[in-house]
């Protein structure tokens, strides 16, 4: 039997732990630090109060508890070299090494990999000087630009300026006022591309690739993709805009050459490679590369996985993914994120969360920013509180179930989008 350590405390990690708990060969799961959802997931699941970025304590825990497999959820521990340290200690761990994770921790590095290996991506310029960046935007139609912080910004480092003054304000905030710290001290300025956006995740052992169902992500705060960017307000899979031929192109033109580029740089990427893709008139174009499961994309895709997740993760670690035939359930899944009124600007901690009605049959809830207080009450710790996932024979049925589940939860200032998974008629 297997004892698995899941590193992280959000909805993605709850979904990973939930899926692993369904494996007949997993008898114990520890989540560090976990949340209220993982704390009550199953009798053999427990939380430990170790921060996901505390490499030393995680390593000590894994060695003392004889952990059989560690699964890294968020990007910060990957950037901090958690996988490198575990591997050096002879521990089995699922996730890319720090050098391979640079594709997410540095957008500039990701662009270099893509450009060197012919991956179609948006034209861009890089800047660390405020004066140079300001000079550049004055020569461009500012409302057609995208400004991206180079480093990790928890999904909040992408800005779509409304015009010249807005672009200059964003650049001053990042490069002069240090609004995102080290993450924003270098920026990429891209030209916006026309086309719907989707995410495609793939398991990989560094050589073989197993592509997951494509996901339609909704990252903007409000309906019709308006408002600021967030870590994600919901997702739907399979994305109706991606047919088999388009998915094959994404694999051949984006995923495979990106992995080949990492291999050429001496990086063996074992984990989940996630790509943001714009579906343009000329074909799929890569917007970004990420080194882990998306959030909330994981909450949407993992319920559709019919294969034992433990088998997939072990195969990626062992370099034997080509021996595992992944099976996916027919149908669709939709995840709706319930957030506090202050999200994404502040987290609104300490708000009581009430489940006012039972979940509809088949619906799932994945906690993101929650904990259990000393008196046993469920309270908020973050801006994204829970994600509710509906499944069904098609997107419409899954969407109906997800929104029925969303109405079951109450907390002060509850906010959620009402157009997740609504289809191609929803404007970007």
Protein backbone atom coordinates (compact mmCIF):
# COMPACT_ATOMS: atom_id res chain seq x y z
CA UNK A 1 0.00 0.00 0.00
CA UNK A 2 1.06 3.58 -0.64
CA UNK A 3 1.44 6.71 1.51
CA UNK A 4 1.25 9.83 -0.68
CA UNK A 5 2.24 13.36 0.32
CA UNK A 6 0.38 16.11 -1.58
CA UNK A 7 2.07 19.50 -1.33
CA UNK A 8 -0.22 22.54 -1.39
CA UNK A 9 -3.37 23.90 0.16
CA UNK A 10 -5.74 24.96 -2.60
CA UNK A 11 -8.51 23.56 -4.73
CA UNK A 12 -6.08 21.85 -7.09
CA UNK A 13 -4.50 19.94 -4.22
CA UNK A 14 -7.92 18.99 -2.84
CA UNK A 15 -8.78 17.56 -6.26
CA UNK A 16 -5.50 15.64 -6.45
CA UNK A 17 -6.01 14.20 -2.96
CA UNK A 18 -9.64 13.35 -3.75
CA UNK A 19 -8.64 11.48 -6.89
CA UNK A 20 -5.80 9.61 -5.15
CA UNK A 21 -8.14 8.65 -2.29
CA UNK A 22 -10.17 6.68 -4.84
CA UNK A 23 -7.19 4.45 -5.66
CA UNK A 24 -7.43 1.01 -4.05
CA UNK A 25 -3.64 1.02 -3.56
CA UNK A 26 -3.44 4.28 -1.60
CA UNK A 27 -3.99 3.69 2.09
CA UNK A 28 -2.80 7.05 3.44
CA UNK A 29 -2.64 10.60 2.11
CA UNK A 30 -1.05 13.57 3.85
CA UNK A 31 -1.64 17.10 2.55
CA UNK A 32 0.74 19.92 3.46
CA UNK A 33 -0.73 22.25 4.54
CA UNK A 34 -4.13 21.32 3.08
CA UNK A 35 -7.42 23.06 3.85
CA UNK A 36 -10.80 22.35 5.42
CA UNK A 37 -11.80 20.17 2.49
CA UNK A 38 -8.77 17.90 2.63
CA UNK A 39 -9.07 17.74 6.43
CA UNK A 40 -12.46 16.02 6.09
CA UNK A 41 -11.90 14.18 2.81
CA UNK A 42 -11.59 10.62 4.07
CA UNK A 43 -10.52 8.73 7.20
CA UNK A 44 -7.08 8.03 5.73
CA UNK A 45 -6.43 11.65 4.65
CA UNK A 46 -4.80 14.11 7.05
CA UNK A 47 -3.38 17.63 6.95
CA UNK A 48 -0.01 18.62 8.39
CA UNK A 49 0.80 22.28 9.15
CA UNK A 50 3.82 22.54 6.86
CA UNK A 51 3.93 25.37 4.35
CA UNK A 52 4.22 24.28 0.73
CA UNK A 53 7.41 26.32 0.32
CA UNK A 54 9.15 24.96 3.44
CA UNK A 55 11.50 22.58 1.63
CA UNK A 56 13.47 21.52 4.71
CA UNK A 57 10.41 20.62 6.79
CA UNK A 58 8.75 18.81 3.89
CA UNK A 59 11.88 16.78 3.28
CA UNK A 60 12.21 15.93 6.97
CA UNK A 61 8.57 14.87 7.10
CA UNK A 62 8.80 12.74 3.96
CA UNK A 63 11.87 10.92 5.29
CA UNK A 64 10.51 10.41 8.80
CA UNK A 65 7.14 9.14 7.53
CA UNK A 66 8.63 6.96 4.76
CA UNK A 67 6.49 8.68 2.12
CA UNK A 68 6.21 6.54 -1.01
CA UNK A 69 5.33 9.33 -3.45
CA UNK A 70 5.14 13.13 -3.19
CA UNK A 71 2.96 15.14 -5.58
CA UNK A 72 3.68 18.87 -5.92
CA UNK A 73 0.64 21.00 -6.66
CA UNK A 74 1.62 24.70 -6.75
CA UNK A 75 4.35 26.43 -8.69
CA UNK A 76 6.19 28.06 -5.77
CA UNK A 77 7.69 24.81 -4.37
CA UNK A 78 8.81 23.86 -7.88
CA UNK A 79 10.54 27.22 -8.20
CA UNK A 80 12.14 26.66 -4.81
CA UNK A 81 13.74 23.39 -5.87
CA UNK A 82 11.59 21.01 -3.84
CA UNK A 83 11.80 18.32 -6.52
CA UNK A 84 15.59 18.69 -6.73
CA UNK A 85 15.98 18.26 -2.98
CA UNK A 86 13.68 15.22 -2.79
CA UNK A 87 15.35 13.56 -5.76
CA UNK A 88 18.80 14.15 -4.25
CA UNK A 89 17.58 12.40 -1.10
CA UNK A 90 16.37 9.42 -3.14
CA UNK A 91 12.66 10.18 -2.64
CA UNK A 92 10.05 9.64 -5.32
CA UNK A 93 8.39 12.91 -6.34
CA UNK A 94 6.08 13.99 -9.16
CA UNK A 95 6.94 17.36 -10.67
CA UNK A 96 9.66 19.03 -12.74
CA UNK A 97 13.04 20.07 -11.40
CA UNK A 98 13.68 23.76 -10.79
CA UNK A 99 15.46 24.32 -14.12
CA UNK A 100 12.57 22.78 -16.06
CA UNK A 101 10.04 24.77 -14.00
CA UNK A 102 11.66 27.97 -15.31
CA UNK A 103 9.20 27.79 -18.18
CA UNK A 104 6.64 29.03 -15.64
CA UNK A 105 8.77 30.97 -13.20
CA UNK A 106 10.18 33.13 -16.01
CA UNK A 107 8.04 34.12 -18.97
CA UNK A 108 11.18 35.41 -20.64
CA UNK A 109 12.78 31.97 -20.41
CA UNK A 110 9.61 30.34 -21.74
CA UNK A 111 9.68 32.66 -24.73
CA UNK A 112 13.30 31.78 -25.37
CA UNK A 113 12.48 28.07 -25.37
CA UNK A 114 9.51 28.56 -27.67
CA UNK A 115 11.30 30.85 -30.09
CA UNK A 116 14.35 28.56 -30.30
CA UNK A 117 12.20 25.57 -31.22
CA UNK A 118 9.68 27.09 -33.60
CA UNK A 119 6.70 27.16 -31.24
CA UNK A 120 4.18 29.70 -32.54
CA UNK A 121 3.77 32.44 -29.94
CA UNK A 122 2.81 36.10 -29.78
CA UNK A 123 5.40 38.71 -30.81
CA UNK A 124 6.93 40.35 -27.74
CA UNK A 125 9.56 42.64 -26.28
CA UNK A 126 11.21 42.32 -22.85
CA UNK A 127 12.00 45.24 -20.55
CA UNK A 128 13.52 45.89 -17.15
CA UNK A 129 13.90 49.65 -17.63
CA UNK A 130 10.81 51.78 -17.02
CA UNK A 131 11.99 54.44 -19.47
CA UNK A 132 12.51 51.90 -22.25
CA UNK A 133 9.14 50.27 -21.63
CA UNK A 134 7.37 53.65 -21.59
CA UNK A 135 9.07 54.67 -24.82
CA UNK A 136 7.93 51.43 -26.44
CA UNK A 137 4.25 51.70 -25.49
CA UNK A 138 4.08 55.22 -26.89
CA UNK A 139 4.79 53.75 -30.33
CA UNK A 140 2.09 51.07 -30.06
CA UNK A 141 -1.71 50.95 -29.88
CA UNK A 142 -1.77 50.45 -26.10
CA UNK A 143 -5.22 48.86 -26.02
CA UNK A 144 -3.83 46.08 -28.22
CA UNK A 145 -0.99 45.18 -25.86
CA UNK A 146 -0.60 42.66 -23.06
CA UNK A 147 1.80 43.43 -20.21
CA UNK A 148 3.10 40.39 -18.30
CA UNK A 149 5.24 40.24 -15.20
CA UNK A 150 8.17 37.91 -15.84
CA UNK A 151 7.95 35.97 -12.57
CA UNK A 152 5.37 34.16 -10.47
CA UNK A 153 2.38 36.32 -9.57
CA UNK A 154 -0.30 33.75 -8.60
CA UNK A 155 -2.25 34.32 -11.79
CA UNK A 156 -2.32 38.10 -11.30
CA UNK A 157 0.65 39.15 -13.40
CA UNK A 158 -1.10 39.61 -16.75
CA UNK A 159 -2.55 43.03 -17.59
CA UNK A 160 -4.67 44.18 -20.52
CA UNK A 161 -4.34 47.98 -20.66
CA UNK A 162 -7.36 49.98 -21.78
CA UNK A 163 -5.24 52.70 -23.35
CA UNK A 164 -2.03 54.69 -23.17
CA UNK A 165 -2.41 56.09 -19.65
CA UNK A 166 -3.49 52.72 -18.31
CA UNK A 167 -0.45 51.01 -19.86
CA UNK A 168 1.87 53.61 -18.36
CA UNK A 169 0.21 53.18 -14.96
CA UNK A 170 0.68 49.41 -15.08
CA UNK A 171 4.34 49.77 -16.02
CA UNK A 172 4.97 52.29 -13.23
CA UNK A 173 3.26 49.99 -10.75
CA UNK A 174 5.49 47.07 -11.73
CA UNK A 175 8.83 48.64 -12.61
CA UNK A 176 8.82 51.70 -10.36
CA UNK A 177 6.59 50.93 -7.36
CA UNK A 178 7.50 47.22 -7.15
CA UNK A 179 3.84 46.18 -6.88
CA UNK A 180 4.61 42.50 -7.50
CA UNK A 181 8.09 42.50 -6.01
CA UNK A 182 10.75 40.52 -7.82
CA UNK A 183 8.11 38.94 -10.08
CA UNK A 184 7.45 42.25 -11.81
CA UNK A 185 10.93 43.74 -12.07
CA UNK A 186 11.12 42.51 -15.64
CA UNK A 187 8.15 42.51 -17.99
CA UNK A 188 7.16 41.21 -21.37
CA UNK A 189 4.99 43.35 -23.60
CA UNK A 190 3.11 41.35 -26.23
CA UNK A 191 0.69 42.20 -28.96
CA UNK A 192 -2.75 40.78 -28.30
CA UNK A 193 -3.86 38.01 -30.60
CA UNK A 194 -7.36 37.41 -31.88
CA UNK A 195 -8.80 34.06 -30.90
CA UNK A 196 -10.48 32.18 -28.09
CA UNK A 197 -8.22 30.93 -25.30
CA UNK A 198 -8.02 27.36 -24.05
CA UNK A 199 -5.66 25.38 -21.82
CA UNK A 200 -4.22 21.99 -22.67
CA UNK A 201 -2.46 19.94 -19.99
CA UNK A 202 -0.34 16.87 -20.60
CA UNK A 203 1.22 14.27 -18.35
CA UNK A 204 4.81 13.58 -19.34
CA UNK A 205 7.72 11.46 -18.15
CA UNK A 206 10.15 13.59 -20.14
CA UNK A 207 9.74 11.54 -23.31
CA UNK A 208 6.20 10.21 -23.62
CA UNK A 209 3.16 12.50 -23.51
CA UNK A 210 -0.45 11.85 -22.51
CA UNK A 211 -2.66 14.81 -23.37
CA UNK A 212 -5.68 15.57 -21.19
CA UNK A 213 -9.04 16.88 -22.44
CA UNK A 214 -8.73 20.56 -23.44
CA UNK A 215 -10.10 23.10 -20.96
CA UNK A 216 -11.85 26.41 -21.49
CA UNK A 217 -10.53 28.66 -18.71
CA UNK A 218 -12.27 31.80 -17.48
CA UNK A 219 -9.67 34.00 -15.80
CA UNK A 220 -11.33 37.41 -15.78
CA UNK A 221 -13.34 38.34 -12.69
CA UNK A 222 -16.68 39.18 -14.28
CA UNK A 223 -19.07 37.75 -16.86
CA UNK A 224 -18.22 38.06 -20.54
CA UNK A 225 -14.52 38.02 -19.57
CA UNK A 226 -14.53 41.54 -18.18
CA UNK A 227 -12.67 42.93 -15.19
CA UNK A 228 -9.20 42.11 -13.85
CA UNK A 229 -7.37 38.85 -14.35
CA UNK A 230 -7.57 36.36 -11.50
CA UNK A 231 -6.14 32.96 -10.68
CA UNK A 232 -9.24 31.53 -12.37
CA UNK A 233 -13.00 31.89 -11.88
CA UNK A 234 -14.00 28.61 -13.50
CA UNK A 235 -13.36 26.15 -16.29
CA UNK A 236 -15.08 23.65 -18.55
CA UNK A 237 -13.89 20.49 -20.29
CA UNK A 238 -13.69 19.31 -22.93
CA UNK A 239 -13.49 22.74 -24.55
CA UNK A 240 -15.98 22.68 -27.44
CA UNK A 241 -13.72 24.83 -29.60
CA UNK A 242 -10.96 22.20 -29.77
CA UNK A 243 -11.61 19.33 -32.15
CA UNK A 244 -9.33 16.34 -32.64
CA UNK A 245 -7.34 17.94 -35.45
CA UNK A 246 -6.73 21.12 -33.44
CA UNK A 247 -5.67 19.13 -30.38
CA UNK A 248 -3.23 17.17 -32.54
CA UNK A 249 -1.74 20.45 -33.79
CA UNK A 250 -1.36 21.77 -30.24
CA UNK A 251 0.50 18.60 -29.32
CA UNK A 252 2.73 18.58 -32.40
CA UNK A 253 3.39 22.32 -32.70
CA UNK A 254 3.50 23.45 -29.05
CA UNK A 255 3.81 20.65 -26.49
CA UNK A 256 6.31 18.36 -28.22
CA UNK A 257 8.78 21.07 -29.35
CA UNK A 258 8.61 22.77 -25.93
CA UNK A 259 9.55 19.51 -24.23
CA UNK A 260 12.25 18.91 -26.83
CA UNK A 261 13.66 22.34 -26.05
CA UNK A 262 13.83 21.53 -22.36
CA UNK A 263 15.55 18.22 -23.11
CA UNK A 264 18.10 20.02 -25.28
CA UNK A 265 18.77 22.36 -22.33
CA UNK A 266 19.45 19.33 -20.13
CA UNK A 267 16.08 19.40 -18.33
CA UNK A 268 14.04 16.25 -17.87
CA UNK A 269 10.49 17.44 -17.37
CA UNK A 270 8.46 14.88 -15.43
CA UNK A 271 5.08 16.14 -14.36
CA UNK A 272 2.28 18.13 -15.95
CA UNK A 273 3.02 20.60 -18.73
CA UNK A 274 0.16 23.04 -19.18
CA UNK A 275 -0.05 25.40 -22.15
CA UNK A 276 -2.28 28.39 -22.64
CA UNK A 277 -3.32 28.53 -26.27
CA UNK A 278 -5.04 31.11 -28.47
CA UNK A 279 -7.04 29.61 -31.33
CA UNK A 280 -6.21 32.04 -34.12
CA UNK A 281 -7.17 32.02 -37.77
CA UNK A 282 -3.67 30.78 -38.60
CA UNK A 283 -3.79 27.96 -36.04
CA UNK A 284 -3.01 27.45 -32.34
CA UNK A 285 -0.59 29.92 -30.80
CA UNK A 286 1.08 29.49 -27.39
CA UNK A 287 0.38 32.20 -24.84
CA UNK A 288 2.25 30.69 -21.90
CA UNK A 289 3.79 27.51 -20.53
CA UNK A 290 3.12 26.23 -17.02
CA UNK A 291 4.81 23.49 -15.03
CA UNK A 292 1.89 21.99 -13.07
CA UNK A 293 -1.83 21.27 -13.10
CA UNK A 294 -3.93 24.35 -13.73
CA UNK A 295 -6.25 25.62 -11.01
CA UNK A 296 -9.24 25.23 -11.38
CA UNK A 297 -8.50 23.16 -14.51
CA UNK A 298 -7.43 20.21 -12.33
CA UNK A 299 -10.79 20.30 -10.53
CA UNK A 300 -12.49 20.03 -13.92
CA UNK A 301 -10.32 17.42 -15.63
CA UNK A 302 -9.53 14.97 -12.83
CA UNK A 303 -13.18 13.92 -12.33
CA UNK A 304 -13.14 12.85 -16.00
CA UNK A 305 -10.06 10.62 -15.57
CA UNK A 306 -11.04 6.95 -15.48
CA UNK A 307 -7.51 5.59 -15.00
CA UNK A 308 -6.09 5.28 -11.48
CA UNK A 309 -4.20 8.55 -10.95
CA UNK A 310 -1.57 6.75 -8.87
CA UNK A 311 -0.64 4.62 -11.89
CA UNK A 312 -0.22 7.73 -14.04
CA UNK A 313 1.90 9.61 -11.52
CA UNK A 314 4.15 6.62 -10.85
CA UNK A 315 4.64 6.07 -14.58
CA UNK A 316 5.71 9.68 -15.03
CA UNK A 317 8.24 9.35 -12.20
CA UNK A 318 9.53 6.02 -13.54
CA UNK A 319 9.73 7.09 -17.18
CA UNK A 320 7.19 4.45 -18.24
CA UNK A 321 4.20 6.59 -19.24
CA UNK A 322 4.09 4.89 -22.64
CA UNK A 323 2.99 1.71 -20.85
CA UNK A 324 -0.13 3.32 -19.34
CA UNK A 325 -3.22 3.72 -21.51
CA UNK A 326 -5.14 6.66 -20.09
CA UNK A 327 -8.90 6.34 -20.16
CA UNK A 328 -11.28 9.29 -19.97
CA UNK A 329 -14.96 9.19 -19.14
CA UNK A 330 -17.49 10.27 -21.73
CA UNK A 331 -19.25 13.53 -20.95
CA UNK A 332 -18.13 16.87 -19.58
CA UNK A 333 -17.29 18.75 -16.40
CA UNK A 334 -17.71 22.38 -15.35
CA UNK A 335 -16.14 24.07 -12.32
CA UNK A 336 -17.44 27.34 -10.87
CA UNK A 337 -15.30 29.22 -8.33
CA UNK A 338 -17.03 31.01 -5.45
CA UNK A 339 -14.97 34.02 -4.34
CA UNK A 340 -15.20 36.75 -1.73
CA UNK A 341 -16.16 40.31 -2.59
CA UNK A 342 -12.57 41.54 -2.24
CA UNK A 343 -11.01 39.02 -4.62
CA UNK A 344 -8.53 39.37 -6.33
CA UNK A 345 -7.33 42.46 -4.45
CA UNK A 346 -7.60 41.03 -0.92
CA UNK A 347 -8.53 37.73 0.66
CA UNK A 348 -11.31 38.56 3.21
CA UNK A 349 -10.26 35.96 5.82
CA UNK A 350 -12.40 34.78 8.71
CA UNK A 351 -15.81 34.85 7.02
CA UNK A 352 -18.16 32.02 8.10
CA UNK A 353 -19.04 29.65 5.25
CA UNK A 354 -22.37 27.84 5.38
CA UNK A 355 -23.52 24.94 3.26
CA UNK A 356 -27.22 25.70 3.24
CA UNK A 357 -28.36 22.67 1.24
CA UNK A 358 -27.05 19.24 0.22
CA UNK A 359 -25.07 19.07 -3.00
CA UNK A 360 -26.90 17.74 -6.06
CA UNK A 361 -26.18 14.08 -6.78
CA UNK A 362 -22.85 13.79 -8.58
CA UNK A 363 -21.65 17.33 -7.81
CA UNK A 364 -18.26 17.83 -6.17
CA UNK A 365 -16.87 20.60 -3.99
CA UNK A 366 -13.16 21.38 -3.84
CA UNK A 367 -12.04 23.76 -1.10
CA UNK A 368 -9.52 26.45 -1.94
CA UNK A 369 -9.34 29.14 0.76
CA UNK A 370 -10.91 27.55 3.85
CA UNK A 371 -10.03 26.22 7.27
CA UNK A 372 -11.85 24.79 10.25
CA UNK A 373 -11.85 27.18 13.22
CA UNK A 374 -11.33 26.08 16.81
CA UNK A 375 -15.08 26.02 17.38
CA UNK A 376 -15.52 23.72 14.38
CA UNK A 377 -16.89 26.40 12.07
CA UNK A 378 -15.86 26.58 8.42
CA UNK A 379 -14.27 29.96 7.64
CA UNK A 380 -12.49 31.62 4.74
CA UNK A 381 -8.72 32.06 4.46
CA UNK A 382 -8.46 33.24 0.86
CA UNK A 383 -10.30 35.06 -1.88
CA UNK A 384 -11.18 31.93 -3.83
CA UNK A 385 -13.17 29.97 -1.26
CA UNK A 386 -14.47 26.82 -2.96
CA UNK A 387 -14.90 25.47 -6.46
CA UNK A 388 -17.96 23.40 -7.28
CA UNK A 389 -17.74 20.90 -10.12
CA UNK A 390 -20.64 19.44 -12.02
CA UNK A 391 -20.39 16.48 -14.37
CA UNK A 392 -22.82 15.22 -16.95
CA UNK A 393 -23.29 13.76 -20.41
CA UNK A 394 -22.59 17.16 -22.00
CA UNK A 395 -21.48 20.65 -21.03
CA UNK A 396 -25.04 21.91 -20.55
CA UNK A 397 -25.86 19.19 -18.03
CA UNK A 398 -22.53 19.63 -16.21
CA UNK A 399 -23.06 23.39 -16.11
CA UNK A 400 -26.56 23.06 -14.65
CA UNK A 401 -25.25 20.76 -11.93
CA UNK A 402 -22.34 23.08 -11.09
CA UNK A 403 -24.61 26.11 -10.71
CA UNK A 404 -27.08 24.16 -8.62
CA UNK A 405 -24.14 23.29 -6.33
CA UNK A 406 -22.98 26.93 -6.27
CA UNK A 407 -26.31 27.95 -4.76
CA UNK A 408 -25.75 25.55 -1.84
CA UNK A 409 -23.01 27.71 -0.25
CA UNK A 410 -23.35 31.05 1.49
CA UNK A 411 -20.81 33.52 2.86
CA UNK A 412 -20.68 37.29 3.07
CA UNK A 413 -19.99 38.89 -0.30
CA UNK A 414 -20.15 35.62 -2.25
CA UNK A 415 -19.33 36.28 -5.87
CA UNK A 416 -19.19 33.97 -8.87
CA UNK A 417 -19.48 34.23 -12.61
CA UNK A 418 -22.70 32.97 -14.17
CA UNK A 419 -21.31 32.26 -17.64
CA UNK A 420 -18.76 29.49 -17.02
CA UNK A 421 -18.99 26.87 -19.74
CA UNK A 422 -21.65 28.86 -21.58
CA UNK A 423 -20.06 28.07 -24.94
CA UNK A 424 -18.73 29.93 -27.90
CA UNK A 425 -21.36 32.65 -27.68
CA UNK A 426 -19.56 34.20 -24.68
CA UNK A 427 -17.26 37.00 -25.80
CA UNK A 428 -13.73 37.21 -24.53
